[in-house]
Protein backbone atom coordinates (compact mmCIF):
# COMPACT_ATOMS: atom_id res chain seq x y z
CA UNK A 1 15.60 -14.20 4.81
CA UNK A 2 17.32 -11.22 6.40
CA UNK A 3 15.60 -9.89 9.53
CA UNK A 4 16.69 -6.32 10.17
CA UNK A 5 15.99 -6.37 13.89
CA UNK A 6 18.22 -9.40 14.46
CA UNK A 7 21.11 -8.80 12.07
CA UNK A 8 24.28 -7.44 13.71
CA UNK A 9 27.65 -6.41 12.28
CA UNK A 10 29.01 -9.78 13.38
CA UNK A 11 26.15 -11.55 11.59
CA UNK A 12 26.94 -9.51 8.47
CA UNK A 13 30.60 -10.55 8.53
CA UNK A 14 29.61 -14.21 8.91
CA UNK A 15 27.10 -13.86 6.08
CA UNK A 16 29.71 -12.34 3.77
CA UNK A 17 32.10 -15.19 4.55
CA UNK A 18 29.42 -17.84 4.06
CA UNK A 19 28.63 -16.46 0.60
CA UNK A 20 32.33 -16.18 -0.37
CA UNK A 21 31.86 -12.50 -1.20
CA UNK A 22 34.87 -10.94 -2.90
CA UNK A 23 33.55 -7.44 -3.52
CA UNK A 24 31.10 -5.11 -1.80
CA UNK A 25 29.06 -2.23 -3.21
CA UNK A 26 28.52 0.37 -0.46
CA UNK A 27 25.38 2.29 -1.42
CA UNK A 28 24.08 5.69 -0.29
CA UNK A 29 20.63 6.73 -1.60
CA UNK A 30 20.85 10.41 -2.56
CA UNK A 31 18.02 12.96 -2.72
CA UNK A 32 16.80 11.55 -6.04
CA UNK A 33 17.04 7.94 -4.86
CA UNK A 34 20.12 7.31 -7.02
CA UNK A 35 22.64 4.85 -5.57
CA UNK A 36 25.95 6.56 -4.89
CA UNK A 37 28.91 5.24 -2.93
CA UNK A 38 32.03 3.09 -3.27
CA UNK A 39 32.98 -0.43 -4.34
CA UNK A 40 35.49 -2.22 -2.11
CA UNK A 41 37.32 -5.55 -2.06
CA UNK A 42 35.96 -7.75 0.74
CA UNK A 43 39.20 -7.59 2.73
CA UNK A 44 38.98 -3.78 2.84
CA UNK A 45 35.41 -3.75 4.17
CA UNK A 46 34.89 -3.83 7.93
CA UNK A 47 32.25 -2.34 10.19
CA UNK A 48 35.00 -0.58 12.12
CA UNK A 49 36.53 1.13 9.10
CA UNK A 50 35.57 4.79 8.89
CA UNK A 51 34.52 4.95 5.25
CA UNK A 52 33.98 8.48 3.97
CA UNK A 53 32.13 10.24 1.21
CA UNK A 54 31.73 13.98 0.53
CA UNK A 55 28.56 15.48 1.98
CA UNK A 56 28.03 17.10 -1.40
CA UNK A 57 26.78 13.83 -2.95
CA UNK A 58 23.57 14.40 -0.98
CA UNK A 59 23.12 17.85 -2.44
CA UNK A 60 23.23 17.47 -6.23
CA UNK A 61 20.56 17.53 -8.91
CA UNK A 62 19.59 14.51 -11.00
CA UNK A 63 22.07 15.84 -13.60
CA UNK A 64 24.87 16.04 -11.02
CA UNK A 65 24.94 19.81 -10.60
CA UNK A 66 25.25 21.67 -7.29
CA UNK A 67 23.14 24.73 -6.43
CA UNK A 68 25.02 28.03 -6.56
CA UNK A 69 24.49 31.33 -4.74
CA UNK A 70 21.84 29.94 -2.39
CA UNK A 71 22.54 31.05 1.19
CA UNK A 72 20.35 28.43 2.90
CA UNK A 73 22.11 25.65 0.97
CA UNK A 74 25.55 27.12 1.65
CA UNK A 75 24.74 27.37 5.36
CA UNK A 76 24.23 23.61 5.45
CA UNK A 77 27.23 22.53 3.37
CA UNK A 78 29.68 25.37 3.90
CA UNK A 79 32.50 25.88 1.40
CA UNK A 80 35.09 23.26 2.37
CA UNK A 81 33.55 20.13 0.78
CA UNK A 82 33.45 18.19 4.04
CA UNK A 83 33.30 14.42 4.36
CA UNK A 84 30.66 12.39 6.15
CA UNK A 85 31.19 8.99 7.74
CA UNK A 86 29.45 5.96 6.25
CA UNK A 87 28.31 3.11 8.50
CA UNK A 88 26.81 -0.09 7.02
CA UNK A 89 23.30 -1.11 8.04
CA UNK A 90 23.80 -4.87 8.50
CA UNK A 91 20.15 -5.73 7.84
CA UNK A 92 20.41 -4.41 4.28
CA UNK A 93 23.26 -6.62 3.07
CA UNK A 94 22.28 -8.63 0.02
CA UNK A 95 23.91 -10.38 -2.90
CA UNK A 96 24.14 -8.66 -6.28
CA UNK A 97 22.53 -11.47 -8.29
CA UNK A 98 23.67 -10.22 -11.70
CA UNK A 99 27.37 -9.88 -10.76
CA UNK A 100 29.87 -12.31 -12.30
CA UNK A 101 31.92 -12.73 -9.11
CA UNK A 102 30.30 -13.12 -5.65
CA UNK A 103 29.38 -9.51 -4.86
CA UNK A 104 27.35 -8.02 -2.03
CA UNK A 105 25.55 -4.70 -1.72
CA UNK A 106 24.82 -2.91 1.52
CA UNK A 107 23.15 0.40 2.29
CA UNK A 108 25.22 2.83 4.31
CA UNK A 109 23.93 5.29 6.89
CA UNK A 110 25.42 8.78 6.85
CA UNK A 111 26.87 10.32 10.01
CA UNK A 112 28.71 13.51 10.86
CA UNK A 113 32.14 13.08 12.44
CA UNK A 114 30.67 13.53 15.91
CA UNK A 115 28.48 10.46 15.34
CA UNK A 116 25.17 12.30 14.87
CA UNK A 117 23.02 11.49 11.80
CA UNK A 118 23.41 13.62 8.69
CA UNK A 119 20.01 15.28 8.91
CA UNK A 120 19.57 15.82 5.17
CA UNK A 121 20.26 12.16 4.22
CA UNK A 122 16.99 10.54 3.01
CA UNK A 123 17.21 7.47 5.27
CA UNK A 124 17.77 9.71 8.28
CA UNK A 125 14.79 11.88 7.34
CA UNK A 126 12.57 8.78 7.29
CA UNK A 127 14.10 7.59 10.56
CA UNK A 128 13.36 10.99 12.16
CA UNK A 129 9.67 10.68 11.25
CA UNK A 130 9.32 7.09 12.46
CA UNK A 131 10.97 8.10 15.75
CA UNK A 132 8.12 10.57 16.26
CA UNK A 133 5.68 7.68 16.01
CA UNK A 134 7.84 5.61 18.34
CA UNK A 135 7.72 8.40 20.94
CA UNK A 136 3.92 8.07 20.89
CA UNK A 137 4.11 4.31 21.41
CA UNK A 138 3.18 3.59 17.79
CA UNK A 139 4.66 1.69 14.85
CA UNK A 140 3.75 2.86 11.33
CA UNK A 141 3.25 0.17 8.67
CA UNK A 142 3.32 0.74 4.91
CA UNK A 143 2.80 -1.25 1.71
CA UNK A 144 3.78 0.38 -1.60
CA UNK A 145 2.34 -0.43 -5.02
CA UNK A 146 4.90 0.55 -7.64
CA UNK A 147 4.06 1.13 -11.30
CA UNK A 148 6.62 1.18 -14.10
CA UNK A 149 6.94 0.93 -17.87
CA UNK A 150 8.88 -1.49 -20.01
CA UNK A 151 10.21 0.27 -23.09
CA UNK A 152 12.11 -0.53 -26.26
CA UNK A 153 15.76 0.51 -26.06
CA UNK A 154 16.14 4.11 -27.13
CA UNK A 155 19.54 5.79 -27.10
CA UNK A 156 18.30 9.04 -28.66
CA UNK A 157 16.56 11.29 -26.09
CA UNK A 158 15.03 13.31 -28.93
CA UNK A 159 12.95 10.33 -30.06
CA UNK A 160 9.67 9.34 -28.34
CA UNK A 161 9.64 6.21 -26.21
CA UNK A 162 7.66 3.16 -27.37
CA UNK A 163 6.67 -0.20 -25.85
CA UNK A 164 9.13 -3.09 -26.29
CA UNK A 165 8.81 -6.18 -28.45
CA UNK A 166 7.45 -9.17 -26.54
CA UNK A 167 7.78 -12.93 -27.08
CA UNK A 168 5.30 -12.76 -29.96
CA UNK A 169 7.62 -10.47 -31.88
CA UNK A 170 5.14 -7.60 -31.63
CA UNK A 171 4.80 -4.56 -29.37
CA UNK A 172 1.60 -3.67 -27.53
CA UNK A 173 -0.63 -1.31 -29.48
CA UNK A 174 -3.55 -1.20 -27.04
CA UNK A 175 -4.12 -1.09 -23.31
CA UNK A 176 -4.25 -4.48 -21.62
CA UNK A 177 -5.36 -3.82 -18.04
CA UNK A 178 -4.90 -6.95 -15.87
CA UNK A 179 -4.18 -9.09 -18.94
CA UNK A 180 -2.28 -12.26 -18.02
CA UNK A 181 -1.30 -12.87 -21.65
CA UNK A 182 0.17 -9.38 -21.91
CA UNK A 183 2.33 -10.03 -18.85
CA UNK A 184 3.34 -13.40 -20.29
CA UNK A 185 4.78 -11.57 -23.30
CA UNK A 186 7.68 -10.70 -20.99
CA UNK A 187 7.91 -13.97 -19.04
CA UNK A 188 11.69 -14.37 -19.53
CA UNK A 189 12.27 -10.94 -17.99
CA UNK A 190 9.87 -11.42 -15.08
CA UNK A 191 11.20 -14.90 -14.29
CA UNK A 192 14.66 -13.39 -13.96
CA UNK A 193 13.33 -10.50 -11.84
CA UNK A 194 11.60 -12.90 -9.45
CA UNK A 195 14.77 -14.98 -9.28
CA UNK A 196 16.88 -11.90 -8.51
CA UNK A 197 14.41 -10.65 -5.91
CA UNK A 198 14.24 -14.07 -4.25
CA UNK A 199 18.03 -14.11 -3.95
CA UNK A 200 17.87 -10.60 -2.45
CA UNK A 201 14.98 -11.37 -0.08
CA UNK A 202 12.75 -8.59 -1.42
CA UNK A 203 9.47 -10.54 -0.92
CA UNK A 204 7.40 -9.32 -3.83
CA UNK A 205 3.65 -9.83 -3.69
CA UNK A 206 1.60 -9.56 -6.90
CA UNK A 207 2.49 -8.51 -10.43
CA UNK A 208 -0.17 -7.08 -12.73
CA UNK A 209 -0.43 -5.37 -16.08
CA UNK A 210 -1.57 -1.77 -15.61
CA UNK A 211 -3.51 0.59 -17.93
CA UNK A 212 -0.68 1.71 -20.19
CA UNK A 213 0.95 -0.18 -23.06
CA UNK A 214 3.90 -1.94 -21.45
CA UNK A 215 2.95 -0.61 -18.00
CA UNK A 216 3.22 -3.00 -15.05
CA UNK A 217 2.70 -2.81 -11.29
CA UNK A 218 4.48 -4.70 -8.54
CA UNK A 219 3.10 -4.86 -4.99
CA UNK A 220 5.09 -5.31 -1.79
CA UNK A 221 3.94 -6.97 1.42
CA UNK A 222 3.31 -4.56 4.32
CA UNK A 223 6.15 -3.91 6.76
CA UNK A 224 8.17 -1.26 8.57
CA UNK A 225 8.63 1.93 6.46
CA UNK A 226 12.45 1.70 6.38
CA UNK A 227 12.32 -1.95 5.37
CA UNK A 228 9.94 -1.14 2.51
CA UNK A 229 11.86 1.96 1.38
CA UNK A 230 15.02 -0.15 1.19
CA UNK A 231 13.16 -2.80 -0.82
CA UNK A 232 11.83 -0.24 -3.31
CA UNK A 233 15.33 1.23 -3.62
CA UNK A 234 16.79 -2.22 -4.32
CA UNK A 235 13.92 -3.20 -6.63
CA UNK A 236 14.31 -0.18 -8.87
CA UNK A 237 17.99 -0.95 -9.31
CA UNK A 238 17.27 -4.64 -9.93
CA UNK A 239 14.50 -4.08 -12.47
CA UNK A 240 16.54 -1.64 -14.53
CA UNK A 241 19.46 -4.07 -14.61
CA UNK A 242 17.29 -7.07 -15.55
CA UNK A 243 15.53 -5.12 -18.31
CA UNK A 244 18.84 -4.14 -19.90
CA UNK A 245 19.81 -7.80 -19.98
CA UNK A 246 16.65 -8.45 -22.01
CA UNK A 247 17.37 -5.63 -24.47
CA UNK A 248 14.78 -3.21 -23.10
CA UNK A 249 14.51 -0.35 -20.65
CA UNK A 250 12.49 -0.19 -17.44
CA UNK A 251 11.54 3.28 -16.24
CA UNK A 252 9.92 4.80 -13.19
CA UNK A 253 9.40 8.17 -14.87
CA UNK A 254 6.03 9.52 -13.87
CA UNK A 255 5.02 10.15 -17.50
CA UNK A 256 7.33 8.55 -20.08
CA UNK A 257 4.85 8.50 -23.01
CA UNK A 258 2.52 11.31 -23.99
CA UNK A 259 -0.59 9.25 -24.74
CA UNK A 260 -0.29 6.70 -21.93
CA UNK A 261 -1.19 7.01 -18.23
CA UNK A 262 1.44 8.01 -15.71
CA UNK A 263 3.09 5.74 -13.15
CA UNK A 264 2.41 6.02 -9.44
CA UNK A 265 3.72 4.61 -6.18
CA UNK A 266 0.57 4.24 -4.12
CA UNK A 267 1.43 3.93 -0.43
CA UNK A 268 -0.91 2.06 1.93
CA UNK A 269 -0.35 3.08 5.53
CA UNK A 270 -1.61 2.12 8.95
CA UNK A 271 -0.34 2.52 12.52
CA UNK A 272 -0.07 -0.11 15.24
CA UNK A 273 0.08 0.34 18.99
CA UNK A 274 3.57 -0.96 19.76
CA UNK A 275 2.54 -2.46 23.07
CA UNK A 276 -0.64 -4.26 22.02
CA UNK A 277 -0.11 -4.68 18.28
CA UNK A 278 -3.61 -3.27 17.68
CA UNK A 279 -4.38 -0.99 14.74
CA UNK A 280 -4.95 2.49 16.20
CA UNK A 281 -7.23 3.33 13.27
CA UNK A 282 -9.89 1.01 14.75
CA UNK A 283 -11.84 1.18 18.03
CA UNK A 284 -12.24 -1.98 20.15
CA UNK A 285 -15.69 -2.50 18.61
CA UNK A 286 -14.19 -2.42 15.09
CA UNK A 287 -15.43 1.04 14.15
CA UNK A 288 -13.19 3.84 12.87
CA UNK A 289 -11.26 5.61 15.60
CA UNK A 290 -10.90 9.40 15.92
CA UNK A 291 -7.20 8.92 15.14
CA UNK A 292 -8.15 7.46 11.76
CA UNK A 293 -10.17 10.54 10.85
CA UNK A 294 -7.40 12.84 12.12
CA UNK A 295 -4.80 10.99 10.05
CA UNK A 296 -6.87 11.45 6.88
CA UNK A 297 -7.34 15.14 7.73
CA UNK A 298 -3.58 15.53 8.10
CA UNK A 299 -3.06 14.14 4.62
CA UNK A 300 -5.69 16.51 3.27
CA UNK A 301 -4.14 19.55 4.91
CA UNK A 302 -0.46 18.89 4.20
CA UNK A 303 -0.28 16.93 0.93
CA UNK A 304 -0.25 20.13 -1.17
CA UNK A 305 2.81 21.40 0.73
CA UNK A 306 4.38 17.92 0.53
CA UNK A 307 3.89 17.68 -3.23
CA UNK A 308 7.49 18.52 -4.17
CA UNK A 309 8.57 15.33 -2.38
CA UNK A 310 5.84 13.18 -3.93
CA UNK A 311 6.17 14.64 -7.44
CA UNK A 312 9.83 15.70 -7.50
CA UNK A 313 10.48 16.51 -11.19
CA UNK A 314 8.98 18.70 -13.89
CA UNK A 315 7.86 15.50 -15.62
CA UNK A 316 5.95 14.45 -12.49
CA UNK A 317 3.25 17.05 -13.07
CA UNK A 318 2.44 15.69 -16.53
CA UNK A 319 0.85 12.78 -14.64
CA UNK A 320 -1.28 14.95 -12.32
CA UNK A 321 -3.74 16.17 -14.98
CA UNK A 322 -7.46 15.85 -15.48
CA UNK A 323 -8.33 12.72 -17.45
CA UNK A 324 -4.97 11.12 -16.73
CA UNK A 325 -6.24 8.39 -14.35
CA UNK A 326 -4.39 10.08 -11.49
CA UNK A 327 -5.83 12.14 -8.62
CA UNK A 328 -5.76 15.92 -8.94
CA UNK A 329 -7.34 16.38 -5.52
CA UNK A 330 -7.07 15.74 -1.80
CA UNK A 331 -10.59 14.35 -1.44
CA UNK A 332 -11.04 11.04 0.37
CA UNK A 333 -13.43 8.15 -0.06
CA UNK A 334 -14.08 4.47 0.54
CA UNK A 335 -12.83 2.15 -2.23
CA UNK A 336 -12.80 5.16 -4.57
CA UNK A 337 -9.85 5.35 -6.97
CA UNK A 338 -10.74 8.84 -8.22
CA UNK A 339 -9.70 10.50 -4.95
CA UNK A 340 -6.21 11.32 -3.72
CA UNK A 341 -6.79 9.57 -0.38
CA UNK A 342 -8.48 6.18 -0.67
CA UNK A 343 -9.71 3.93 2.13
CA UNK A 344 -9.74 0.34 0.82
CA UNK A 345 -12.38 -2.09 2.11
CA UNK A 346 -10.87 -4.10 4.96
CA UNK A 347 -11.54 -5.51 8.39
CA UNK A 348 -10.74 -3.50 11.55
CA UNK A 349 -7.28 -5.05 11.94
CA UNK A 350 -6.26 -4.08 8.41
CA UNK A 351 -7.88 -0.62 8.30
CA UNK A 352 -5.57 1.63 6.31
CA UNK A 353 -5.25 4.71 4.12
CA UNK A 354 -3.87 4.71 0.58
CA UNK A 355 -2.05 7.82 -0.64
CA UNK A 356 -2.61 7.77 -4.42
CA UNK A 357 -0.83 11.05 -5.16
CA UNK A 358 2.75 9.74 -5.00
CA UNK A 359 4.59 9.28 -8.29
CA UNK A 360 6.75 6.27 -9.15
CA UNK A 361 9.63 8.72 -9.63
CA UNK A 362 9.61 9.76 -5.96
CA UNK A 363 12.48 8.85 -3.66
CA UNK A 364 10.88 6.05 -1.58
CA UNK A 365 12.51 7.20 1.67
CA UNK A 366 11.28 10.76 1.29
CA UNK A 367 7.84 9.79 -0.02
CA UNK A 368 7.21 7.51 2.93
CA UNK A 369 8.65 10.04 5.37
CA UNK A 370 6.45 12.89 4.22
CA UNK A 371 3.18 10.95 3.87
CA UNK A 372 3.67 9.62 7.41
CA UNK A 373 4.54 13.15 8.52
CA UNK A 374 1.27 14.50 7.10
CA UNK A 375 -0.76 11.87 8.96
CA UNK A 376 1.19 12.46 12.16
CA UNK A 377 0.50 16.20 12.00
CA UNK A 378 -3.20 15.51 11.54
CA UNK A 379 -3.23 13.45 14.74
CA UNK A 380 -1.15 15.93 16.72
CA UNK A 381 -3.30 18.86 15.59
CA UNK A 382 -6.53 16.84 16.02
CA UNK A 383 -7.75 17.84 12.57
CA UNK A 384 -11.07 16.77 11.05
CA UNK A 385 -11.40 15.67 7.41
CA UNK A 386 -13.81 17.01 4.85
CA UNK A 387 -16.99 15.14 4.01
CA UNK A 388 -16.38 11.79 2.35
CA UNK A 389 -16.56 11.74 -1.46
CA UNK A 390 -19.00 9.12 -2.76
CA UNK A 391 -18.91 9.87 -6.50
CA UNK A 392 -16.15 10.56 -9.00
CA UNK A 393 -13.63 13.21 -7.97
CA UNK A 394 -11.93 13.34 -11.37
CA UNK A 395 -13.99 16.41 -12.26
CA UNK A 396 -13.23 18.21 -8.98
CA UNK A 397 -11.11 21.32 -8.84
CA UNK A 398 -7.34 21.04 -8.85
CA UNK A 399 -6.28 20.96 -5.20
CA UNK A 400 -2.58 20.18 -5.64
CA UNK A 401 0.27 22.27 -7.09
CA UNK A 402 0.34 21.92 -10.85
CA UNK A 403 4.05 22.49 -11.42
CA UNK A 404 7.31 22.04 -9.56
CA UNK A 405 8.16 25.64 -8.74
CA UNK A 406 4.80 26.19 -7.00
CA UNK A 407 5.21 22.92 -5.09
CA UNK A 408 8.65 24.02 -3.91
CA UNK A 409 7.31 27.36 -2.71
CA UNK A 410 4.66 25.62 -0.63
CA UNK A 411 7.15 23.14 0.84
CA UNK A 412 9.63 25.89 1.67
CA UNK A 413 6.93 27.88 3.49
CA UNK A 414 5.44 25.00 5.51
CA UNK A 415 6.60 25.45 9.10
CA UNK A 416 4.97 22.21 10.36
CA UNK A 417 6.68 20.09 7.68
CA UNK A 418 9.96 21.87 8.39
CA UNK A 419 9.62 21.00 12.06
CA UNK A 420 8.93 17.33 11.36
CA UNK A 421 11.36 16.77 8.47
CA UNK A 422 14.09 19.22 9.53
CA UNK A 423 15.10 22.70 8.38
CA UNK A 424 18.42 21.57 6.94
CA UNK A 425 16.79 18.89 4.84
CA UNK A 426 14.13 21.27 3.49
CA UNK A 427 16.73 23.94 2.68
CA UNK A 428 18.92 21.46 0.80
CA UNK A 429 16.03 19.79 -1.01
CA UNK A 430 14.43 23.05 -2.15
CA UNK A 431 17.76 24.44 -3.38
CA UNK A 432 18.52 21.27 -5.35
CA UNK A 433 15.08 21.09 -6.94
CA UNK A 434 15.02 24.80 -7.78
CA UNK A 435 18.33 24.30 -9.56
CA UNK A 436 16.87 21.36 -11.49
CA UNK A 437 13.87 23.46 -12.48
CA UNK A 438 16.13 26.24 -13.73
CA UNK A 439 18.09 23.69 -15.78
CA UNK A 440 14.87 22.44 -17.35
CA UNK A 441 13.72 25.97 -18.19
CA UNK A 442 16.81 26.38 -20.38
CA UNK A 443 15.65 23.52 -22.61
CA UNK A 444 13.48 24.29 -25.66
CA UNK A 445 10.93 21.53 -26.26
CA UNK A 446 9.72 20.10 -29.60
CA UNK A 447 6.24 21.51 -28.85
CA UNK A 448 7.65 25.03 -28.72
CA UNK A 449 9.53 24.58 -32.00
CA UNK A 450 6.50 23.02 -33.68
CA UNK A 451 3.84 25.51 -32.62
CA UNK A 452 5.69 28.76 -31.95
CA UNK A 453 8.47 28.88 -34.51
CA UNK A 454 6.35 30.06 -37.44
CA UNK A 455 3.17 31.24 -35.72
CA UNK A 456 4.07 33.90 -33.19
């Protein structure tokens, strides 16, 4: 098992030699969470080599377009298409289990030529937030629960998506929440996924069948935010690859099918005192600490402005609707899945908060960065939460942005989030997502053709 804190560049070189690696995939997670980078022969890969990649790869839409005529974006990137320097993070090196020849993959950190971090790179944004906790003598801990759909192969984007055929030769036609037999329908796929993840050291916890037809959830053991963000990044790539090998698709779209629930990435979070290892959310007598209440209040105050990072696409907001089994609010409650901020039952040492707003389509680095940022701001500002919700909050008023453009406006205008996440990052992110939204608005949907063509 790879331990990030102990793995050096020398250890990485020895590991590559021990595994007879002949090729290395150098990966950079972009704003969408897509893996970009370069593939090198082993003999060309060294920690000392100054590998380069254009800064622009961190500033493109999910369709690969760059924003135009946006001064804030241009101020960050300029007009000369500059390079950034890529440095491998040794603790992230892993085998590519599906490769024919011995191949490794490693995540690269992005630096400017003067050695300072590229402040709009997602890993560096998360690192910036965790450094704020470190300066307070604290260590944030997270545990994501990631939902996804298995789908029949579909090469025509104009056709609706449907569940895949399982071992029985039939597709699911009803919802099979927590059904073991429904999961067993895809045993060959999941056996391969667990094998791949074991080779990669991803340490998966539980696998369950979720509400939707063909919808599953994988849970990760709690750990450092960067460790978990890396694992989610690797897992998404691994699952998609494994599914293709079993003649199906795996998707983390927030809402891939109209009549099925959306997919979330619930993030459990707590904070430890670095010196003592004690959970700062609990008092010595086991009761809730003031910091716990302030953290919840920070989530309540800032989640609406953070929404563009937690629900980053136009499709994301199809999940955040009344009756969709997803929170539409920033209420909080104990063991209450109808609220946006849930406090699971636990002992004092494991006291934690679950952010249920995050979509499965969110970039894991940015989602973890901003949810930790919201809690941090609540503590710094000594905020107080609203009264606890004891009943269902599904019928409460909408308290979150309901579409991407509104979410981007709130993010752009939030001075506290800008201060914590960085002006350059916010300017780049907003410009990229506004460009994506404008691209989407040029598309005419089947609903419009069906209901407006002959009736208006």
